[in-house]
Amino acid sequence: MTNLKLNATVITVVFAVIFAFGISSCGGNTDVVDSGTYSGTIKKVEPEKTEIYVTLEDGKTIELYFIEETTLTKNGEKVDFSALAKGQEVEVEVKKVGKRLDPISVTIKE
């Protein structure tokens, strides 16, 4: 658990630096949505960055870097980031902070 918190802190700092310079690590277009809860399908998982891309039901794709506060659950139980996989249906609660989205919670629906 300590390693996860440390990794999340490092990722948060990296994320801030990337956006400070206006560089997108996706290699494609992503969208920014308002704070709220959304359903979608995982398009891509990047474990080394604790980052996921989710295609929402309306076709928009959002980029989510997990932060220290992000909770990840499946069947009501907390799970590790490694439980995430491309193609999974998820529900995400995000907070819009400027031009980035902070994932507050991610729930694996399957």
Protein backbone atom coordinates (compact mmCIF):
# COMPACT_ATOMS: atom_id res chain seq x y z
CA MET A 1 0.00 0.00 0.00
CA THR A 2 2.86 2.40 0.77
CA ASN A 3 4.36 1.78 -2.68
CA LEU A 4 1.00 2.57 -4.28
CA LYS A 5 0.80 5.88 -2.40
CA LEU A 6 4.37 6.73 -3.36
CA ASN A 7 3.71 5.83 -7.00
CA ALA A 8 0.52 7.91 -6.98
CA THR A 9 2.43 10.91 -5.60
CA VAL A 10 5.14 10.55 -8.24
CA ILE A 11 2.51 10.22 -10.98
CA THR A 12 0.72 13.34 -9.73
CA VAL A 13 3.95 15.35 -9.93
CA VAL A 14 4.77 13.99 -13.39
CA PHE A 15 1.24 14.76 -14.56
CA ALA A 16 1.51 18.35 -13.36
CA VAL A 17 4.84 18.83 -15.16
CA ILE A 18 3.51 17.34 -18.39
CA PHE A 19 0.52 19.66 -18.44
CA ALA A 20 2.59 22.65 -17.40
CA PHE A 21 4.47 22.28 -20.68
CA GLY A 22 1.33 21.48 -22.68
CA ILE A 23 2.52 18.02 -23.66
CA SER A 24 0.01 15.22 -24.03
CA SER A 25 1.33 11.70 -23.38
CA CYS A 26 -1.63 10.02 -25.09
CA GLY A 27 -0.46 10.40 -28.64
CA GLY A 28 -4.10 11.01 -29.56
CA ASN A 29 -6.95 13.29 -28.75
CA THR A 30 -8.61 13.12 -25.37
CA ASP A 31 -11.50 15.10 -23.99
CA VAL A 32 -12.08 17.04 -20.79
CA VAL A 33 -15.52 16.71 -19.25
CA ASP A 34 -17.21 18.42 -16.32
CA SER A 35 -16.85 17.00 -12.81
CA GLY A 36 -19.25 14.12 -12.35
CA THR A 37 -19.81 10.39 -12.69
CA TYR A 38 -19.52 8.67 -16.07
CA SER A 39 -19.76 5.14 -17.49
CA GLY A 40 -17.51 3.81 -20.20
CA THR A 41 -15.08 1.19 -21.45
CA ILE A 42 -11.35 1.08 -20.78
CA LYS A 43 -9.56 1.82 -24.05
CA LYS A 44 -5.99 1.57 -22.73
CA VAL A 45 -4.18 0.81 -19.46
CA GLU A 46 -0.68 2.13 -18.75
CA PRO A 47 0.44 0.43 -15.51
CA GLU A 48 3.82 2.17 -15.37
CA LYS A 49 2.01 5.53 -15.19
CA THR A 50 -1.05 4.31 -13.23
CA GLU A 51 -3.05 5.81 -16.06
CA ILE A 52 -6.12 4.68 -17.98
CA TYR A 53 -8.01 5.93 -21.01
CA VAL A 54 -11.77 5.49 -20.89
CA THR A 55 -14.16 5.83 -23.82
CA LEU A 56 -17.40 7.20 -22.42
CA GLU A 57 -20.89 6.23 -23.57
CA ASP A 58 -21.10 9.45 -25.63
CA GLY A 59 -17.91 8.55 -27.53
CA LYS A 60 -15.57 10.97 -25.74
CA THR A 61 -12.25 9.57 -24.49
CA ILE A 62 -10.87 10.75 -21.16
CA GLU A 63 -7.36 10.32 -19.78
CA LEU A 64 -7.09 9.54 -16.07
CA TYR A 65 -3.87 9.54 -14.06
CA PHE A 66 -4.59 7.93 -10.71
CA ILE A 67 -3.89 10.21 -7.76
CA GLU A 68 -3.27 9.30 -4.14
CA GLU A 69 -6.95 9.80 -3.32
CA THR A 70 -8.30 7.61 -6.17
CA THR A 71 -10.24 4.56 -5.00
CA LEU A 72 -10.50 1.49 -7.22
CA THR A 73 -13.19 -1.08 -6.48
CA LYS A 74 -14.81 -4.19 -7.92
CA ASN A 75 -17.86 -5.87 -6.35
CA GLY A 76 -17.65 -3.39 -3.46
CA GLU A 77 -14.07 -4.40 -2.57
CA LYS A 78 -10.88 -2.37 -3.05
CA VAL A 79 -8.63 -3.86 -5.73
CA ASP A 80 -5.14 -3.15 -7.06
CA PHE A 81 -4.47 -1.22 -10.27
CA SER A 82 -3.43 -4.53 -11.86
CA ALA A 83 -7.14 -5.54 -11.85
CA LEU A 84 -7.77 -3.09 -14.70
CA ALA A 85 -7.79 -4.34 -18.30
CA LYS A 86 -8.65 -3.05 -21.75
CA GLY A 87 -12.31 -3.63 -22.59
CA GLN A 88 -13.63 -3.55 -19.02
CA GLU A 89 -16.76 -1.57 -18.29
CA VAL A 90 -16.15 1.03 -15.57
CA GLU A 91 -17.88 3.84 -13.76
CA VAL A 92 -15.62 6.79 -12.99
CA GLU A 93 -16.13 9.78 -10.74
CA VAL A 94 -13.91 12.64 -11.85
CA LYS A 95 -13.13 16.13 -10.62
CA LYS A 96 -12.22 18.69 -13.26
CA VAL A 97 -9.16 20.69 -12.19
CA GLY A 98 -8.35 23.20 -14.90
CA LYS A 99 -7.77 21.17 -18.05
CA ARG A 100 -7.16 17.86 -16.27
CA LEU A 101 -9.43 15.27 -14.74
CA ASP A 102 -8.62 13.80 -11.34
CA PRO A 103 -10.23 10.39 -10.85
CA ILE A 104 -11.88 10.29 -7.43
CA SER A 105 -13.18 6.74 -7.85
CA VAL A 106 -13.11 4.02 -10.46
CA THR A 107 -15.51 1.09 -10.18
CA ILE A 108 -15.03 -2.00 -12.34
CA LYS A 109 -18.55 -3.08 -13.35
CA GLU A 110 -17.75 -6.62 -14.49
